[in-house]
Amino acid sequence: MKIKTEIMDEKALNRVITRMSHEIIERNKGVEDVVLLGIKTRGVTLARRLCEKIKGIEQSELSVGSLDITSYRDDIKDMKDMLRGDSTDVSFDVTGKKVILVDDVLYTGRTVRAAMDAIIDIGRPLNIQLAVLIDRGHRELPIRADYVGKNVPTSRSEMIIVNVREVDGKDGVLLGEYE
């Protein structure tokens, strides 16, 4: 893959997380009954960062969990892929809560659909909202994000690469192209 351009550096990513945190607080009129669920892997890191920003603004700690959507995917061809083990970690009840689902990139919408199925299996939230760092278009399902860090129109031959310090050792978002 060839890197075409840097979309966000560390400072820009931090500003986006700050803005999205304020949007979440404003839309929900505070953070009462709000919980964050990150889609593994980078969505979990982003959810934790949103939690920290919101805590700094509202002086209120949100519950944060992680969703492993492997067994909910609609593209599993081999049952062996599903048997890798579910590493979902939600230690709180989502029933009656405003669940904010967090992911790094929104593309076809299939990952989000799988995540919603996983949430419904855990409990019955008051509502599910979606926060994504990058919306790159090309939806195959009628899914849209409530909170978007940045819209980046892409071609199908391009790829968004999200790096977070906790997983990748650095922060930033790159646009790459398959060679």
Protein backbone atom coordinates (compact mmCIF):
# COMPACT_ATOMS: atom_id res chain seq x y z
CA MET A 1 0.00 0.00 0.00
CA LYS A 2 1.14 3.52 -0.78
CA ILE A 3 0.49 6.38 1.68
CA LYS A 4 -1.06 9.32 -0.17
CA THR A 5 -1.51 11.91 2.56
CA GLU A 6 -1.86 12.58 6.26
CA ILE A 7 -5.45 13.45 7.14
CA MET A 8 -4.91 14.14 10.84
CA ASP A 9 -1.85 14.52 13.00
CA GLU A 10 -1.81 14.04 16.78
CA LYS A 11 -3.01 17.58 17.53
CA ALA A 12 -5.86 17.41 15.01
CA LEU A 13 -6.99 14.04 16.39
CA ASN A 14 -7.03 15.47 19.91
CA ARG A 15 -9.08 18.50 18.75
CA VAL A 16 -11.59 16.19 17.04
CA ILE A 17 -12.00 14.10 20.22
CA THR A 18 -12.56 17.31 22.21
CA ARG A 19 -15.20 18.56 19.74
CA MET A 20 -17.00 15.22 19.63
CA SER A 21 -17.05 15.12 23.45
CA HIS A 22 -18.76 18.50 23.56
CA GLU A 23 -21.26 17.37 20.90
CA ILE A 24 -22.13 14.25 22.91
CA ILE A 25 -22.69 16.32 26.05
CA GLU A 26 -24.80 18.89 24.21
CA ARG A 27 -26.99 16.42 22.32
CA ASN A 28 -27.69 14.37 25.45
CA LYS A 29 -28.16 17.43 27.69
CA GLY A 30 -25.37 16.19 29.93
CA VAL A 31 -24.17 12.64 30.42
CA GLU A 32 -26.74 11.10 32.73
CA ASP A 33 -27.43 7.52 31.61
CA VAL A 34 -24.82 7.77 28.82
CA VAL A 35 -22.41 4.84 28.35
CA LEU A 36 -19.70 4.32 25.74
CA LEU A 37 -19.09 1.07 23.87
CA GLY A 38 -16.03 0.88 21.64
CA ILE A 39 -15.77 -1.58 18.77
CA LYS A 40 -12.51 -3.49 19.03
CA THR A 41 -9.78 -2.48 18.55
CA ARG A 42 -9.33 1.22 17.93
CA GLY A 43 -12.93 2.09 18.76
CA VAL A 44 -12.23 1.05 22.35
CA THR A 45 -9.27 3.42 22.57
CA LEU A 46 -11.33 6.25 21.09
CA ALA A 47 -14.18 5.54 23.53
CA ARG A 48 -11.75 5.76 26.46
CA ARG A 49 -10.41 9.05 25.16
CA LEU A 50 -13.93 10.44 24.78
CA CYS A 51 -14.62 9.31 28.34
CA GLU A 52 -11.56 11.18 29.66
CA LYS A 53 -12.48 14.39 27.79
CA ILE A 54 -16.08 14.22 28.99
CA LYS A 55 -14.90 13.60 32.55
CA GLY A 56 -12.78 16.75 32.32
CA ILE A 57 -15.71 18.80 31.06
CA GLU A 58 -18.58 17.39 33.13
CA GLN A 59 -16.68 16.02 36.16
CA SER A 60 -18.61 12.80 35.62
CA GLU A 61 -17.17 9.35 34.88
CA LEU A 62 -18.89 7.34 32.15
CA SER A 63 -18.94 3.57 31.92
CA VAL A 64 -16.86 2.31 28.99
CA GLY A 65 -17.05 -1.17 27.50
CA SER A 66 -15.66 -2.98 24.49
CA LEU A 67 -17.45 -4.99 21.85
CA ASP A 68 -15.94 -7.87 19.89
CA ILE A 69 -18.31 -8.23 16.94
CA THR A 70 -16.55 -11.19 15.29
CA SER A 71 -19.40 -13.65 15.84
CA TYR A 72 -21.96 -11.10 14.58
CA ARG A 73 -20.29 -10.41 11.23
CA ASP A 74 -22.18 -11.35 8.07
CA ASP A 75 -19.03 -12.17 6.12
CA ILE A 76 -17.84 -15.16 8.18
CA LYS A 77 -17.42 -18.02 5.75
CA ASP A 78 -15.74 -20.50 8.04
CA MET A 79 -17.03 -21.41 11.50
CA LYS A 80 -13.39 -21.63 12.68
CA ASP A 81 -13.21 -17.83 12.36
CA MET A 82 -16.09 -17.49 14.81
CA LEU A 83 -14.49 -19.79 17.37
CA ARG A 84 -11.67 -17.36 18.16
CA GLY A 85 -13.50 -16.39 21.32
CA ASP A 86 -15.64 -13.41 22.17
CA SER A 87 -13.65 -10.77 24.01
CA THR A 88 -16.56 -8.40 24.63
CA ASP A 89 -16.18 -6.61 27.96
CA VAL A 90 -19.32 -4.84 29.15
CA SER A 91 -19.44 -4.93 32.95
CA PHE A 92 -22.55 -2.76 33.27
CA ASP A 93 -26.19 -2.98 32.25
CA VAL A 94 -27.05 -1.17 29.00
CA THR A 95 -30.81 -1.49 29.53
CA GLY A 96 -32.40 1.95 29.62
CA LYS A 97 -29.08 3.66 28.82
CA LYS A 98 -28.06 5.97 26.00
CA VAL A 99 -25.40 3.84 24.35
CA ILE A 100 -22.82 5.63 22.26
CA LEU A 101 -21.17 3.16 19.94
CA VAL A 102 -17.65 4.28 19.01
CA ASP A 103 -15.57 3.18 16.01
CA ASP A 104 -12.62 4.53 14.09
CA VAL A 105 -13.90 4.35 10.48
CA LEU A 106 -17.43 4.14 9.09
CA TYR A 107 -17.40 2.55 5.65
CA THR A 108 -20.11 0.10 4.47
CA GLY A 109 -22.04 0.08 7.75
CA ARG A 110 -21.77 -3.68 8.20
CA THR A 111 -19.53 -3.45 11.28
CA VAL A 112 -22.00 -1.07 12.93
CA ARG A 113 -24.92 -3.40 12.11
CA ALA A 114 -23.04 -6.27 13.73
CA ALA A 115 -22.27 -4.11 16.78
CA MET A 116 -25.95 -3.16 17.17
CA ASP A 117 -26.88 -6.85 17.14
CA ALA A 118 -24.28 -7.47 19.87
CA ILE A 119 -25.67 -4.60 21.97
CA ILE A 120 -29.24 -5.87 21.69
CA ASP A 121 -28.04 -9.29 22.90
CA ILE A 122 -26.60 -7.59 26.01
CA GLY A 123 -29.70 -5.55 26.89
CA ARG A 124 -32.28 -3.06 25.66
CA PRO A 125 -30.83 0.45 25.56
CA LEU A 126 -32.95 3.59 25.49
CA ASN A 127 -31.16 4.44 22.24
CA ILE A 128 -27.97 3.76 20.33
CA GLN A 129 -25.95 6.63 18.91
CA LEU A 130 -22.90 6.29 16.68
CA ALA A 131 -19.62 8.21 16.99
CA VAL A 132 -16.91 7.68 14.37
CA LEU A 133 -13.57 9.34 13.87
CA ILE A 134 -13.74 9.10 10.05
CA ASP A 135 -16.76 8.67 7.75
CA ARG A 136 -15.43 7.62 4.35
CA GLY A 137 -18.74 6.96 2.58
CA HIS A 138 -19.66 3.92 0.44
CA ARG A 139 -22.53 2.75 2.67
CA GLU A 140 -24.18 -0.58 1.87
CA LEU A 141 -26.68 -0.30 4.72
CA PRO A 142 -28.85 2.66 5.81
CA ILE A 143 -26.58 3.67 8.69
CA ARG A 144 -25.28 7.15 9.51
CA ALA A 145 -23.15 8.50 12.32
CA ASP A 146 -24.50 10.94 14.92
CA TYR A 147 -21.01 12.28 15.68
CA VAL A 148 -18.33 12.46 12.99
CA GLY A 149 -14.76 13.56 13.50
CA LYS A 150 -14.15 14.14 9.80
CA ASN A 151 -15.83 13.21 6.53
CA VAL A 152 -13.25 11.92 4.06
CA PRO A 153 -14.69 10.97 0.66
CA THR A 154 -12.66 8.06 -0.69
CA SER A 155 -12.56 5.75 -3.65
CA ARG A 156 -12.88 2.03 -3.07
CA SER A 157 -9.20 1.63 -3.96
CA GLU A 158 -8.23 3.85 -1.03
CA MET A 159 -7.89 2.96 2.63
CA ILE A 160 -8.08 4.95 5.84
CA ILE A 161 -5.38 4.06 8.37
CA VAL A 162 -6.11 5.17 11.94
CA ASN A 163 -3.18 5.06 14.34
CA VAL A 164 -3.69 5.45 18.08
CA ARG A 165 -0.78 5.67 20.51
CA GLU A 166 -2.15 2.91 22.78
CA VAL A 167 -2.18 0.35 19.93
CA ASP A 168 0.18 1.68 17.25
CA GLY A 169 2.64 3.79 19.23
CA LYS A 170 1.57 7.04 17.54
CA ASP A 171 -1.53 9.10 16.80
CA GLY A 172 -2.72 10.11 13.35
CA VAL A 173 -4.91 9.28 10.38
CA LEU A 174 -3.52 8.51 6.94
CA LEU A 175 -5.02 7.98 3.51
CA GLY A 176 -3.47 5.13 1.59
CA GLU A 177 -4.06 3.52 -1.76
CA TYR A 178 -3.73 -0.11 -2.78
CA GLU A 179 -1.02 -0.56 -5.38
